Amino acid sequence: MKLKLDLHEIYNRGDEIDRALREVIDEAVRKRATLVEIIPGKGSGQLKKHVLRYLDRKEVKALYHRVEKDSDNFGRVFVHFRWSGPRR
């Protein structure tokens, strides 16, 4: 299962960005999604940096397997999850 979060609509509202990121990560954990696609857009790169800093927080980092910056599209980040064992 893949989830997608497009941040274009809230690019200039830091609190809402963090809330949206938290919600999509929580949803991925709940649904055991294997991938979350986050679209900060290209712009100046500040929003992408914000997203990457958020994902680098210790409590968030513990939830996912790895982050991949799309080499073909600067304005896209993939968060990969790895699940093993039965669903709890």
N, C-alpha and C. Protein backbone atom coordinates (compact mmCIF):
# COMPACT_ATOMS: atom_id res chain seq x y z
N MET A 1 0.84 -1.17 0.00
CA MET A 1 0.00 0.00 0.00
C MET A 1 0.89 1.24 0.00
N LYS A 2 0.48 2.23 -0.78
CA LYS A 2 1.23 3.48 -0.90
C LYS A 2 0.32 4.63 -0.48
N LEU A 3 0.86 5.53 0.33
CA LEU A 3 0.15 6.74 0.72
C LEU A 3 0.85 7.94 0.10
N LYS A 4 0.11 9.02 -0.07
CA LYS A 4 0.67 10.20 -0.72
C LYS A 4 0.27 11.45 0.05
N LEU A 5 1.22 12.37 0.21
CA LEU A 5 0.96 13.65 0.88
C LEU A 5 1.53 14.77 0.01
N ASP A 6 0.65 15.63 -0.48
CA ASP A 6 1.05 16.78 -1.29
C ASP A 6 0.98 18.03 -0.41
N LEU A 7 2.11 18.68 -0.22
CA LEU A 7 2.19 19.83 0.69
C LEU A 7 2.02 21.18 -0.01
N HIS A 8 1.68 21.19 -1.27
CA HIS A 8 1.55 22.45 -2.00
C HIS A 8 0.57 23.43 -1.35
N GLU A 9 -0.54 22.93 -0.86
CA GLU A 9 -1.58 23.80 -0.31
C GLU A 9 -1.19 24.46 1.01
N ILE A 10 -0.30 23.83 1.76
CA ILE A 10 0.04 24.36 3.09
C ILE A 10 1.53 24.70 3.21
N TYR A 11 2.18 24.98 2.10
CA TYR A 11 3.63 25.15 2.07
C TYR A 11 4.17 26.22 3.01
N ASN A 12 3.34 27.19 3.40
CA ASN A 12 3.84 28.29 4.22
C ASN A 12 3.28 28.28 5.65
N ARG A 13 2.76 27.14 6.08
CA ARG A 13 2.18 27.05 7.43
C ARG A 13 2.84 25.90 8.18
N GLY A 14 3.93 26.23 8.88
CA GLY A 14 4.76 25.23 9.55
C GLY A 14 4.02 24.26 10.44
N ASP A 15 3.09 24.76 11.27
CA ASP A 15 2.36 23.88 12.18
C ASP A 15 1.52 22.87 11.41
N GLU A 16 0.87 23.33 10.35
CA GLU A 16 0.04 22.42 9.55
C GLU A 16 0.89 21.41 8.80
N ILE A 17 2.08 21.81 8.38
CA ILE A 17 2.99 20.89 7.69
C ILE A 17 3.37 19.76 8.63
N ASP A 18 3.79 20.12 9.85
CA ASP A 18 4.16 19.09 10.82
C ASP A 18 2.98 18.18 11.14
N ARG A 19 1.79 18.75 11.28
CA ARG A 19 0.61 17.96 11.58
C ARG A 19 0.31 16.99 10.43
N ALA A 20 0.38 17.48 9.20
CA ALA A 20 0.12 16.63 8.03
C ALA A 20 1.15 15.51 7.93
N LEU A 21 2.41 15.83 8.20
CA LEU A 21 3.46 14.80 8.17
C LEU A 21 3.20 13.75 9.24
N ARG A 22 2.86 14.19 10.43
CA ARG A 22 2.60 13.26 11.53
C ARG A 22 1.42 12.35 11.18
N GLU A 23 0.36 12.95 10.61
CA GLU A 23 -0.83 12.17 10.26
C GLU A 23 -0.53 11.11 9.22
N VAL A 24 0.25 11.46 8.19
CA VAL A 24 0.52 10.48 7.13
C VAL A 24 1.45 9.37 7.65
N ILE A 25 2.39 9.71 8.52
CA ILE A 25 3.27 8.68 9.10
C ILE A 25 2.45 7.77 10.01
N ASP A 26 1.59 8.36 10.83
CA ASP A 26 0.73 7.55 11.71
C ASP A 26 -0.18 6.64 10.90
N GLU A 27 -0.74 7.17 9.80
CA GLU A 27 -1.61 6.35 8.94
C GLU A 27 -0.82 5.20 8.33
N ALA A 28 0.41 5.48 7.90
CA ALA A 28 1.25 4.43 7.31
C ALA A 28 1.50 3.32 8.33
N VAL A 29 1.75 3.70 9.57
CA VAL A 29 1.98 2.70 10.62
C VAL A 29 0.70 1.90 10.88
N ARG A 30 -0.43 2.61 10.99
CA ARG A 30 -1.72 1.94 11.24
C ARG A 30 -2.07 0.95 10.15
N LYS A 31 -1.88 1.37 8.90
CA LYS A 31 -2.27 0.54 7.75
C LYS A 31 -1.14 -0.36 7.25
N ARG A 32 0.02 -0.24 7.90
CA ARG A 32 1.20 -1.01 7.49
C ARG A 32 1.54 -0.76 6.01
N ALA A 33 1.50 0.49 5.63
CA ALA A 33 1.86 0.88 4.26
C ALA A 33 3.35 0.63 4.05
N THR A 34 3.72 0.33 2.84
CA THR A 34 5.14 0.11 2.55
C THR A 34 5.83 1.37 2.05
N LEU A 35 5.03 2.37 1.61
CA LEU A 35 5.63 3.56 1.03
C LEU A 35 4.73 4.78 1.26
N VAL A 36 5.37 5.89 1.61
CA VAL A 36 4.69 7.18 1.67
C VAL A 36 5.43 8.11 0.72
N GLU A 37 4.70 8.69 -0.21
CA GLU A 37 5.27 9.67 -1.13
C GLU A 37 4.89 11.06 -0.61
N ILE A 38 5.90 11.87 -0.35
CA ILE A 38 5.68 13.24 0.12
C ILE A 38 6.12 14.19 -0.97
N ILE A 39 5.23 15.12 -1.32
CA ILE A 39 5.52 16.08 -2.39
C ILE A 39 5.62 17.49 -1.80
N PRO A 40 6.85 17.92 -1.50
CA PRO A 40 7.02 19.29 -1.03
C PRO A 40 7.10 20.28 -2.19
N GLY A 41 7.28 19.78 -3.38
CA GLY A 41 7.43 20.65 -4.55
C GLY A 41 8.87 21.10 -4.71
N LYS A 42 9.15 21.74 -5.80
CA LYS A 42 10.53 22.14 -6.11
C LYS A 42 10.88 23.46 -5.44
N GLY A 43 10.24 24.53 -5.77
CA GLY A 43 10.46 25.82 -5.12
C GLY A 43 11.90 26.11 -4.74
N SER A 44 12.08 26.74 -3.57
CA SER A 44 13.42 27.12 -3.11
C SER A 44 14.14 25.97 -2.42
N GLY A 45 13.41 24.91 -2.10
CA GLY A 45 14.00 23.78 -1.41
C GLY A 45 13.82 23.84 0.10
N GLN A 46 13.28 24.94 0.61
CA GLN A 46 13.11 25.09 2.06
C GLN A 46 12.08 24.10 2.62
N LEU A 47 11.00 23.89 1.89
CA LEU A 47 9.97 22.96 2.36
C LEU A 47 10.52 21.53 2.39
N LYS A 48 11.29 21.17 1.38
CA LYS A 48 11.89 19.84 1.35
C LYS A 48 12.84 19.68 2.54
N LYS A 49 13.61 20.71 2.85
CA LYS A 49 14.51 20.66 4.01
C LYS A 49 13.71 20.49 5.29
N HIS A 50 12.58 21.19 5.39
CA HIS A 50 11.70 21.07 6.55
C HIS A 50 11.22 19.63 6.70
N VAL A 51 10.78 19.05 5.59
CA VAL A 51 10.29 17.66 5.59
C VAL A 51 11.40 16.71 6.03
N LEU A 52 12.59 16.87 5.49
CA LEU A 52 13.71 15.99 5.83
C LEU A 52 14.12 16.15 7.29
N ARG A 53 14.09 17.38 7.81
CA ARG A 53 14.39 17.59 9.24
C ARG A 53 13.33 16.91 10.11
N TYR A 54 12.07 17.01 9.69
CA TYR A 54 10.99 16.35 10.44
C TYR A 54 11.22 14.84 10.47
N LEU A 55 11.52 14.27 9.31
CA LEU A 55 11.71 12.83 9.21
C LEU A 55 12.95 12.36 9.97
N ASP A 56 13.87 13.27 10.24
CA ASP A 56 15.11 12.93 10.94
C ASP A 56 14.96 12.97 12.46
N ARG A 57 13.79 13.41 12.95
CA ARG A 57 13.56 13.41 14.39
C ARG A 57 13.62 11.97 14.91
N LYS A 58 14.25 11.82 16.06
CA LYS A 58 14.47 10.47 16.61
C LYS A 58 13.18 9.66 16.71
N GLU A 59 12.11 10.27 17.24
CA GLU A 59 10.86 9.52 17.45
C GLU A 59 10.17 9.18 16.13
N VAL A 60 10.41 9.96 15.09
CA VAL A 60 9.82 9.68 13.78
C VAL A 60 10.68 8.66 13.04
N LYS A 61 11.98 8.84 13.12
CA LYS A 61 12.92 7.95 12.44
C LYS A 61 12.76 6.49 12.88
N ALA A 62 12.34 6.30 14.12
CA ALA A 62 12.15 4.95 14.65
C ALA A 62 10.99 4.22 13.98
N LEU A 63 10.13 4.95 13.27
CA LEU A 63 8.92 4.35 12.69
C LEU A 63 9.10 3.82 11.27
N TYR A 64 10.09 4.31 10.55
CA TYR A 64 10.25 3.91 9.14
C TYR A 64 11.60 3.26 8.89
N HIS A 65 11.73 2.67 7.72
CA HIS A 65 12.96 1.96 7.36
C HIS A 65 14.01 2.90 6.74
N ARG A 66 13.61 3.67 5.72
CA ARG A 66 14.57 4.59 5.08
C ARG A 66 13.84 5.67 4.29
N VAL A 67 14.58 6.74 4.00
CA VAL A 67 14.07 7.85 3.20
C VAL A 67 14.85 7.88 1.90
N GLU A 68 14.12 8.12 0.82
CA GLU A 68 14.75 8.19 -0.51
C GLU A 68 14.34 9.51 -1.16
N LYS A 69 15.34 10.27 -1.58
CA LYS A 69 15.07 11.49 -2.34
C LYS A 69 15.00 11.08 -3.80
N ASP A 70 13.93 11.43 -4.46
CA ASP A 70 13.72 11.04 -5.86
C ASP A 70 14.79 11.69 -6.73
N SER A 71 15.59 10.89 -7.39
CA SER A 71 16.66 11.42 -8.24
C SER A 71 16.12 12.00 -9.54
N ASP A 72 14.92 11.62 -9.92
CA ASP A 72 14.32 12.14 -11.16
C ASP A 72 13.47 13.38 -10.92
N ASN A 73 13.03 13.59 -9.68
CA ASN A 73 12.14 14.71 -9.37
C ASN A 73 12.54 15.29 -8.02
N PHE A 74 13.22 16.43 -8.04
CA PHE A 74 13.72 17.07 -6.83
C PHE A 74 12.61 17.32 -5.81
N GLY A 75 11.38 17.52 -6.28
CA GLY A 75 10.27 17.88 -5.41
C GLY A 75 9.51 16.71 -4.84
N ARG A 76 10.17 15.57 -4.66
CA ARG A 76 9.48 14.38 -4.17
C ARG A 76 10.40 13.58 -3.24
N VAL A 77 9.83 13.10 -2.14
CA VAL A 77 10.57 12.29 -1.17
C VAL A 77 9.76 11.03 -0.90
N PHE A 78 10.43 9.90 -0.83
CA PHE A 78 9.78 8.64 -0.52
C PHE A 78 10.22 8.16 0.86
N VAL A 79 9.26 7.72 1.66
CA VAL A 79 9.55 7.15 2.98
C VAL A 79 9.15 5.68 2.90
N HIS A 80 10.13 4.81 3.08
CA HIS A 80 9.91 3.37 2.97
C HIS A 80 9.74 2.76 4.35
N PHE A 81 8.78 1.84 4.45
CA PHE A 81 8.52 1.12 5.68
C PHE A 81 8.76 -0.36 5.44
N ARG A 82 9.19 -1.04 6.46
CA ARG A 82 9.40 -2.49 6.37
C ARG A 82 8.65 -3.13 7.52
N TRP A 83 7.77 -4.02 7.19
CA TRP A 83 6.95 -4.70 8.21
C TRP A 83 7.27 -6.17 8.18
N SER A 84 7.37 -6.76 9.37
CA SER A 84 7.56 -8.21 9.45
C SER A 84 6.64 -8.77 10.51
N GLY A 85 6.32 -10.02 10.36
CA GLY A 85 5.46 -10.68 11.33
C GLY A 85 3.99 -10.34 11.13
N PRO A 86 3.13 -10.96 11.94
CA PRO A 86 1.70 -10.73 11.82
C PRO A 86 1.30 -9.35 12.30
N ARG A 87 0.20 -8.89 11.81
CA ARG A 87 -0.35 -7.59 12.19
C ARG A 87 -0.82 -7.63 13.64
N ARG A 88 -0.56 -6.56 14.38
CA ARG A 88 -0.95 -6.53 15.80
C ARG A 88 -2.15 -5.66 16.00
